[in-house]
Protein backbone atom coordinates (compact mmCIF):
# COMPACT_ATOMS: atom_id res chain seq x y z
CA UNK A 1 117.25 47.00 -52.74
CA UNK A 2 115.06 47.86 -49.76
CA UNK A 3 116.56 48.97 -46.46
CA UNK A 4 115.70 45.81 -44.53
CA UNK A 5 117.35 43.68 -47.24
CA UNK A 6 120.64 45.48 -46.68
CA UNK A 7 120.82 45.08 -42.90
CA UNK A 8 118.09 42.53 -41.94
CA UNK A 9 116.84 44.99 -39.30
CA UNK A 10 113.14 45.07 -38.36
CA UNK A 11 110.94 47.01 -35.96
CA UNK A 12 108.61 45.34 -33.46
CA UNK A 13 105.69 47.39 -32.16
CA UNK A 14 105.19 46.69 -28.44
CA UNK A 15 102.29 47.77 -26.18
CA UNK A 16 103.48 50.25 -23.55
CA UNK A 17 104.37 48.45 -20.34
CA UNK A 18 105.32 45.16 -21.98
CA UNK A 19 108.76 46.15 -23.26
CA UNK A 20 110.82 44.00 -20.87
CA UNK A 21 108.84 40.82 -21.51
CA UNK A 22 108.50 41.44 -25.25
CA UNK A 23 112.26 41.82 -25.64
CA UNK A 24 112.80 38.62 -23.64
CA UNK A 25 110.36 36.93 -26.00
CA UNK A 26 112.21 38.28 -29.05
CA UNK A 27 115.45 36.85 -27.69
CA UNK A 28 113.84 33.46 -27.06
CA UNK A 29 112.55 33.42 -30.65
CA UNK A 30 116.03 34.00 -32.07
CA UNK A 31 116.12 37.77 -32.65
CA UNK A 32 119.53 39.41 -32.30
CA UNK A 33 120.91 42.89 -31.61
CA UNK A 34 117.68 44.01 -29.94
CA UNK A 35 117.58 47.75 -29.31
CA UNK A 36 114.71 49.48 -27.46
CA UNK A 37 113.05 52.35 -29.31
CA UNK A 38 109.97 54.53 -29.03
CA UNK A 39 106.90 52.25 -28.87
CA UNK A 40 108.93 49.15 -29.69
CA UNK A 41 112.32 47.70 -30.48
CA UNK A 42 114.61 47.17 -33.44
CA UNK A 43 116.09 43.72 -33.96
CA UNK A 44 118.02 41.67 -36.49
CA UNK A 45 116.49 38.54 -37.96
CA UNK A 46 117.17 35.86 -40.53
CA UNK A 47 114.23 34.87 -42.76
CA UNK A 48 113.46 31.98 -40.40
CA UNK A 49 113.50 34.21 -37.33
CA UNK A 50 111.23 36.76 -39.00
CA UNK A 51 108.69 34.01 -39.72
CA UNK A 52 109.05 32.61 -36.20
CA UNK A 53 108.56 35.97 -34.49
CA UNK A 54 105.38 36.65 -36.43
CA UNK A 55 104.07 33.11 -35.94
CA UNK A 56 104.87 32.60 -32.27
CA UNK A 57 105.04 36.00 -30.55
CA UNK A 58 102.29 36.52 -27.98
CA UNK A 59 103.21 40.07 -26.93
CA UNK A 60 104.08 42.02 -30.09
CA UNK A 61 101.55 44.07 -32.04
CA UNK A 62 103.24 44.14 -35.46
CA UNK A 63 106.62 43.54 -37.07
CA UNK A 64 107.59 46.17 -39.64
CA UNK A 65 110.27 45.97 -42.34
CA UNK A 66 111.86 49.37 -43.10
CA UNK A 67 111.78 50.11 -46.82
CA UNK A 68 113.15 53.64 -46.98
CA UNK A 69 114.35 56.23 -44.45
CA UNK A 70 114.41 59.80 -45.74
CA UNK A 71 114.13 63.49 -44.89
CA UNK A 72 110.52 64.63 -45.17
CA UNK A 73 109.92 68.35 -44.64
CA UNK A 74 106.53 68.47 -46.39
CA UNK A 75 103.85 66.73 -48.44
CA UNK A 76 105.75 67.04 -51.72
CA UNK A 77 108.81 65.21 -50.36
CA UNK A 78 106.66 62.44 -48.92
CA UNK A 79 104.75 61.97 -52.18
CA UNK A 80 107.90 61.99 -54.31
CA UNK A 81 109.75 59.35 -52.30
CA UNK A 82 106.72 57.12 -51.81
CA UNK A 83 105.84 57.19 -55.50
CA UNK A 84 109.37 56.22 -56.55
CA UNK A 85 109.53 52.96 -54.57
CA UNK A 86 109.12 49.70 -56.56
CA UNK A 87 105.78 48.71 -55.04
CA UNK A 88 105.18 45.98 -57.61
CA UNK A 89 107.54 43.80 -55.59
CA UNK A 90 104.83 43.62 -52.90
CA UNK A 91 101.51 43.91 -54.71
CA UNK A 92 99.87 44.15 -58.11
CA UNK A 93 96.93 46.12 -59.48
CA UNK A 94 94.53 43.30 -58.57
CA UNK A 95 95.56 43.40 -54.90
CA UNK A 96 94.29 45.69 -52.16
CA UNK A 97 96.35 47.77 -49.77
CA UNK A 98 96.04 50.19 -46.87
CA UNK A 99 98.31 52.72 -45.21
CA UNK A 100 98.50 53.60 -41.52
CA UNK A 101 100.69 56.34 -40.12
CA UNK A 102 102.13 57.83 -36.96
CA UNK A 103 103.04 61.53 -37.17
CA UNK A 104 104.61 63.87 -34.61
CA UNK A 105 106.66 67.08 -34.50
CA UNK A 106 106.49 67.79 -38.25
CA UNK A 107 105.78 71.42 -39.08
CA UNK A 108 103.92 70.78 -42.35
CA UNK A 109 102.42 67.32 -41.86
CA UNK A 110 100.52 67.33 -38.59
CA UNK A 111 97.71 64.86 -39.22
CA UNK A 112 98.39 61.11 -39.47
CA UNK A 113 95.33 60.54 -41.65
CA UNK A 114 96.44 63.12 -44.20
CA UNK A 115 100.00 61.75 -44.30
CA UNK A 116 98.63 58.24 -44.88
CA UNK A 117 96.46 59.60 -47.71
CA UNK A 118 99.52 61.14 -49.38
CA UNK A 119 101.29 57.76 -49.33
CA UNK A 120 98.15 56.01 -50.60
CA UNK A 121 97.88 58.44 -53.53
CA UNK A 122 101.59 58.02 -54.30
CA UNK A 123 101.30 54.22 -54.44
CA UNK A 124 98.17 54.38 -56.61
CA UNK A 125 99.80 56.89 -58.98
CA UNK A 126 102.92 54.71 -59.19
CA UNK A 127 100.82 51.85 -60.58
CA UNK A 128 98.72 54.10 -62.81
CA UNK A 129 101.80 55.51 -64.50
CA UNK A 130 103.77 52.24 -64.76
CA UNK A 131 101.01 49.73 -65.55
CA UNK A 132 97.95 51.79 -66.40
CA UNK A 133 96.05 50.10 -63.58
CA UNK A 134 95.91 50.81 -59.86
CA UNK A 135 95.21 48.60 -56.84
CA UNK A 136 92.19 49.34 -54.66
CA UNK A 137 92.33 50.49 -51.07
CA UNK A 138 90.75 48.25 -48.41
CA UNK A 139 91.07 49.83 -44.94
CA UNK A 140 89.75 46.72 -43.16
CA UNK A 141 91.30 43.56 -44.65
CA UNK A 142 93.83 44.58 -47.30
CA UNK A 143 96.29 42.20 -48.92
CA UNK A 144 99.14 44.54 -47.97
CA UNK A 145 99.62 47.00 -45.11
CA UNK A 146 102.07 49.89 -45.49
CA UNK A 147 103.20 51.99 -42.56
CA UNK A 148 104.58 55.52 -42.37
CA UNK A 149 106.40 56.71 -39.28
CA UNK A 150 107.14 60.44 -39.33
CA UNK A 151 108.87 62.15 -36.39
CA UNK A 152 110.06 65.66 -37.06
CA UNK A 153 111.50 65.62 -40.55
CA UNK A 154 112.63 61.97 -40.38
CA UNK A 155 110.35 59.57 -42.18
CA UNK A 156 110.41 55.78 -42.52
CA UNK A 157 108.18 53.82 -44.87
CA UNK A 158 107.62 50.25 -43.69
CA UNK A 159 106.10 47.08 -45.06
CA UNK A 160 103.99 45.28 -42.44
CA UNK A 161 105.40 41.74 -42.29
CA UNK A 162 102.59 40.68 -39.94
CA UNK A 163 99.79 41.53 -42.34
CA UNK A 164 97.53 42.82 -39.57
CA UNK A 165 97.81 43.28 -35.83
CA UNK A 166 99.19 40.14 -34.20
CA UNK A 167 96.67 40.39 -31.36
CA UNK A 168 94.07 39.03 -33.77
CA UNK A 169 94.71 35.36 -33.03
CA UNK A 170 91.60 34.09 -34.77
CA UNK A 171 90.03 32.09 -31.94
CA UNK A 172 87.73 34.85 -30.69
CA UNK A 173 84.59 34.40 -32.78
CA UNK A 174 82.23 35.38 -29.92
CA UNK A 175 82.62 38.31 -27.58
CA UNK A 176 81.22 40.35 -24.70
CA UNK A 177 81.30 44.14 -24.19
CA UNK A 178 84.84 45.48 -23.62
CA UNK A 179 86.73 42.23 -24.25
CA UNK A 180 90.33 41.93 -23.09
CA UNK A 181 92.89 42.26 -25.87
CA UNK A 182 94.75 39.03 -26.57
CA UNK A 183 98.23 40.53 -26.17
CA UNK A 184 97.31 41.90 -22.73
CA UNK A 185 95.89 38.53 -21.68
CA UNK A 186 99.08 36.85 -22.87
CA UNK A 187 101.10 39.39 -20.88
CA UNK A 188 99.12 38.60 -17.71
CA UNK A 189 99.92 34.90 -18.13
CA UNK A 190 103.58 35.62 -18.92
CA UNK A 191 104.12 38.06 -16.04
CA UNK A 192 102.38 35.71 -13.58
CA UNK A 193 105.08 33.14 -14.24
CA UNK A 194 102.46 30.38 -14.37
CA UNK A 195 104.02 27.26 -15.85
CA UNK A 196 101.38 24.62 -15.21
CA UNK A 197 102.89 23.37 -11.94
CA UNK A 198 99.53 24.15 -10.32
CA UNK A 199 96.00 24.96 -11.52
CA UNK A 200 94.97 28.31 -13.01
CA UNK A 201 91.46 29.75 -12.65
CA UNK A 202 89.62 32.83 -13.92
CA UNK A 203 86.52 33.59 -11.79
CA UNK A 204 85.33 36.34 -14.18
CA UNK A 205 86.24 34.73 -17.46
CA UNK A 206 84.09 36.82 -19.82
CA UNK A 207 84.63 35.53 -23.35
CA UNK A 208 87.57 33.41 -22.21
CA UNK A 209 90.54 35.39 -23.49
CA UNK A 210 92.71 34.75 -20.43
CA UNK A 211 91.77 31.07 -20.47
CA UNK A 212 92.54 30.80 -24.19
CA UNK A 213 95.92 32.48 -23.78
CA UNK A 214 96.72 30.26 -20.78
CA UNK A 215 95.89 27.17 -22.86
CA UNK A 216 98.04 28.37 -25.76
CA UNK A 217 100.89 29.22 -23.39
CA UNK A 218 100.91 25.87 -21.61
CA UNK A 219 100.40 23.78 -24.76
CA UNK A 220 103.00 25.83 -26.67
CA UNK A 221 100.51 26.54 -29.42
CA UNK A 222 101.83 29.21 -31.82
CA UNK A 223 99.94 32.47 -31.31
CA UNK A 224 99.43 32.73 -35.08
CA UNK A 225 98.33 29.16 -35.68
CA UNK A 226 94.81 30.17 -36.79
CA UNK A 227 95.84 33.08 -39.02
CA UNK A 228 95.30 32.38 -42.72
CA UNK A 229 98.26 34.42 -43.93
CA UNK A 230 101.02 36.80 -42.91
CA UNK A 231 102.41 39.86 -44.63
CA UNK A 232 105.88 38.33 -44.98
CA UNK A 233 104.43 35.87 -47.53
CA UNK A 234 104.21 38.81 -49.98
CA UNK A 235 107.79 39.98 -49.51
CA UNK A 236 110.06 39.74 -52.59
CA UNK A 237 112.58 37.57 -50.71
CA UNK A 238 110.01 35.24 -49.10
CA UNK A 239 111.21 31.62 -48.87
CA UNK A 240 108.25 29.19 -48.66
CA UNK A 241 110.44 26.26 -47.57
CA UNK A 242 111.80 28.26 -44.63
CA UNK A 243 108.26 29.16 -43.56
CA UNK A 244 107.21 25.50 -43.79
CA UNK A 245 110.12 24.44 -41.58
CA UNK A 246 109.24 27.07 -38.97
CA UNK A 247 105.65 25.80 -38.79
CA UNK A 248 106.68 22.16 -38.57
CA UNK A 249 109.21 22.87 -35.81
CA UNK A 250 106.63 24.82 -33.78
CA UNK A 251 104.04 22.06 -34.22
CA UNK A 252 106.49 19.44 -32.99
CA UNK A 253 106.83 21.32 -29.68
CA UNK A 254 103.08 21.30 -28.88
CA UNK A 255 102.07 19.36 -25.76
CA UNK A 256 98.61 18.31 -24.50
CA UNK A 257 96.72 20.05 -21.70
CA UNK A 258 96.26 17.92 -18.56
CA UNK A 259 92.71 17.51 -17.30
CA UNK A 260 91.70 20.06 -14.64
CA UNK A 261 94.69 22.36 -15.03
CA UNK A 262 92.74 25.36 -16.39
CA UNK A 263 89.24 26.46 -15.41
CA UNK A 264 86.97 29.47 -15.25
CA UNK A 265 83.52 30.79 -14.53
CA UNK A 266 81.39 33.88 -14.95
CA UNK A 267 78.11 35.15 -13.53
CA UNK A 268 76.86 35.59 -17.10
CA UNK A 269 75.73 32.48 -18.91
CA UNK A 270 76.11 34.38 -22.17
CA UNK A 271 79.76 35.09 -21.36
CA UNK A 272 80.42 31.43 -20.51
CA UNK A 273 78.83 30.40 -23.81
CA UNK A 274 81.11 32.85 -25.63
CA UNK A 275 84.15 31.49 -23.77
CA UNK A 276 83.16 27.94 -24.67
CA UNK A 277 82.71 28.90 -28.35
CA UNK A 278 86.10 30.64 -28.48
CA UNK A 279 87.93 27.80 -26.76
CA UNK A 280 86.32 25.42 -29.25
CA UNK A 281 88.63 26.91 -31.89
CA UNK A 282 91.70 25.61 -30.05
CA UNK A 283 93.07 22.11 -29.47
CA UNK A 284 92.46 20.55 -26.01
CA UNK A 285 89.52 22.92 -25.31
CA UNK A 286 87.48 20.02 -23.85
CA UNK A 287 89.96 19.91 -20.95
CA UNK A 288 89.18 23.47 -19.81
CA UNK A 289 86.53 23.47 -17.05
CA UNK A 290 83.82 26.12 -17.46
CA UNK A 291 80.68 26.89 -15.48
CA UNK A 292 78.19 29.68 -14.88
CA UNK A 293 78.63 31.04 -11.34
CA UNK A 294 79.19 34.31 -9.50
CA UNK A 295 82.63 34.32 -7.91
CA UNK A 296 80.95 34.88 -4.52
CA UNK A 297 79.35 31.44 -4.90
CA UNK A 298 82.57 29.55 -5.56
CA UNK A 299 83.54 27.37 -2.64
CA UNK A 300 87.25 28.24 -2.73
CA UNK A 301 90.22 28.75 -5.00
CA UNK A 302 92.97 27.86 -2.54
CA UNK A 303 96.56 27.20 -3.66
CA UNK A 304 95.95 28.23 -7.27
CA UNK A 305 97.03 30.92 -9.69
CA UNK A 306 94.06 33.25 -10.12
CA UNK A 307 93.83 35.56 -13.12
CA UNK A 308 91.00 37.87 -14.05
CA UNK A 309 89.97 41.07 -15.78
CA UNK A 310 87.02 42.41 -13.73
CA UNK A 311 84.54 44.84 -15.30
CA UNK A 312 85.64 48.46 -14.92
CA UNK A 313 82.59 50.46 -15.95
CA UNK A 314 81.88 49.56 -19.56
CA UNK A 315 80.32 46.20 -18.73
CA UNK A 316 78.54 47.13 -15.49
CA UNK A 317 77.90 50.83 -15.34
CA UNK A 318 77.45 52.93 -12.21
CA UNK A 319 80.40 53.81 -9.90
CA UNK A 320 78.60 52.51 -6.81
CA UNK A 321 78.18 49.10 -8.42
CA UNK A 322 81.84 49.08 -9.38
CA UNK A 323 83.02 49.88 -5.86
CA UNK A 324 80.77 47.18 -4.42
CA UNK A 325 82.02 44.61 -6.93
CA UNK A 326 85.68 45.27 -6.14
CA UNK A 327 85.05 45.14 -2.38
CA UNK A 328 83.32 41.79 -2.84
CA UNK A 329 86.23 40.55 -4.94
CA UNK A 330 88.70 41.58 -2.24
CA UNK A 331 86.64 39.79 0.42
CA UNK A 332 86.49 36.66 -1.71
CA UNK A 333 90.25 36.65 -2.23
CA UNK A 334 90.91 37.13 1.49
CA UNK A 335 88.44 34.57 2.76
CA UNK A 336 88.43 31.74 0.21
CA UNK A 337 91.71 31.86 -1.69
CA UNK A 338 94.35 31.06 0.92
CA UNK A 339 97.69 30.05 -0.52
CA UNK A 340 96.75 31.43 -3.93
CA UNK A 341 98.35 34.21 -5.94
CA UNK A 342 96.02 36.50 -7.88
CA UNK A 343 96.87 38.61 -10.93
CA UNK A 344 94.15 41.15 -11.62
CA UNK A 345 94.17 43.44 -14.66
CA UNK A 346 92.05 46.56 -14.17
CA UNK A 347 91.29 49.09 -16.88
CA UNK A 348 90.42 51.79 -14.31
CA UNK A 349 93.16 51.88 -11.67
CA UNK A 350 91.00 54.00 -9.32
CA UNK A 351 88.89 50.92 -8.62
CA UNK A 352 91.82 49.10 -7.01
CA UNK A 353 91.43 51.06 -3.77
CA UNK A 354 88.17 49.21 -3.12
CA UNK A 355 89.83 45.75 -3.13
CA UNK A 356 91.22 46.30 0.36
CA UNK A 357 94.37 44.22 -0.15
CA UNK A 358 98.01 45.23 -0.31
CA UNK A 359 99.41 44.47 -3.77
CA UNK A 360 102.72 42.76 -4.35
CA UNK A 361 103.15 44.98 -7.39
CA UNK A 362 101.18 47.33 -9.64
CA UNK A 363 102.42 47.18 -13.22
CA UNK A 364 101.16 49.71 -15.82
CA UNK A 365 99.99 48.35 -19.18
CA UNK A 366 98.61 50.76 -21.76
CA UNK A 367 96.55 49.38 -24.62
CA UNK A 368 93.42 50.27 -26.55
CA UNK A 369 93.26 53.72 -24.95
CA UNK A 370 93.36 52.25 -21.43
CA UNK A 371 95.91 53.19 -18.78
CA UNK A 372 95.49 49.86 -17.01
CA UNK A 373 97.23 48.17 -14.10
CA UNK A 374 98.17 44.54 -13.56
CA UNK A 375 98.14 43.93 -9.81
CA UNK A 376 99.50 40.96 -7.91
CA UNK A 377 98.01 39.81 -4.61
CA UNK A 378 99.65 37.08 -2.53
CA UNK A 379 97.02 35.49 -0.30
CA UNK A 380 97.89 33.84 3.01
């Protein structure tokens, strides 16, 4: 029996800075006994809750099921334990798999890539010796993801119940340089507290990630509605009827998007086309207003919730242009957005000094190698 089957405990990976909201989300989705941990949280879940968390969470990165916790002083110990696990309960020789690892403070195993390779070899050898055949490795789209977490001499082998990172919603088929990650966009909407009582607008919409997440949030669309499969469907104790009930219950809660509630624009016609194409993958996309326009040319955005992820160097380039852009954004917010509240996510926090407005808060969010800031501006 695997570890998670004994105690029904799972581990949720959470982007740094989103812990408070992610744990609130876990509670709302039915998780119990939530305990914060390094880079995430442990929680208890029934089979239905595990399906629901994977299907509906907007803020989590992955949900991992612990298979085995053990002492791991060196490569030989890791290989021995990994090889002995009954992997045929998750995959067969015709399936593909991949291993990803996090390693720290171990005297003998210092490289995550090497540790993952040891586990990969152990799994392959397990099949070779028991069945005479071995599954192939696919590092991009495997049937099964296995995770190793090694801190000091304590190792945990996990099965990835998500199947791949949950930020991959499936609606983003078109993109622009440096697109916003879906989980960060969902966090901006969640932290803003926007509930549809008033309109929401993104004046630098890019490929429409914030607009898409706002639509999904308001309409109560499950974050995983477009995903073809989840890792938990390959677990030995998977219950298809439970999964079907979870999907049907979530679908019953969906509500339509009122006309004119969500809108956005961008100076780039290519970006607006990408946003339109991505929104086309979601229900009610025809009710999202889009147009090509520089924010400086918008008449006003008074008494609205404003969200945006301005360029921070990758999309525009030179520092002088960046400073000028952020000054212009600050002027626009001051002069034409009275009564509005703006939530701006910036990948380079040094650029915020050019906005020229006093923030209501500056919240750190780290993702994709960025030490970003979500900043709130109340405009009077």
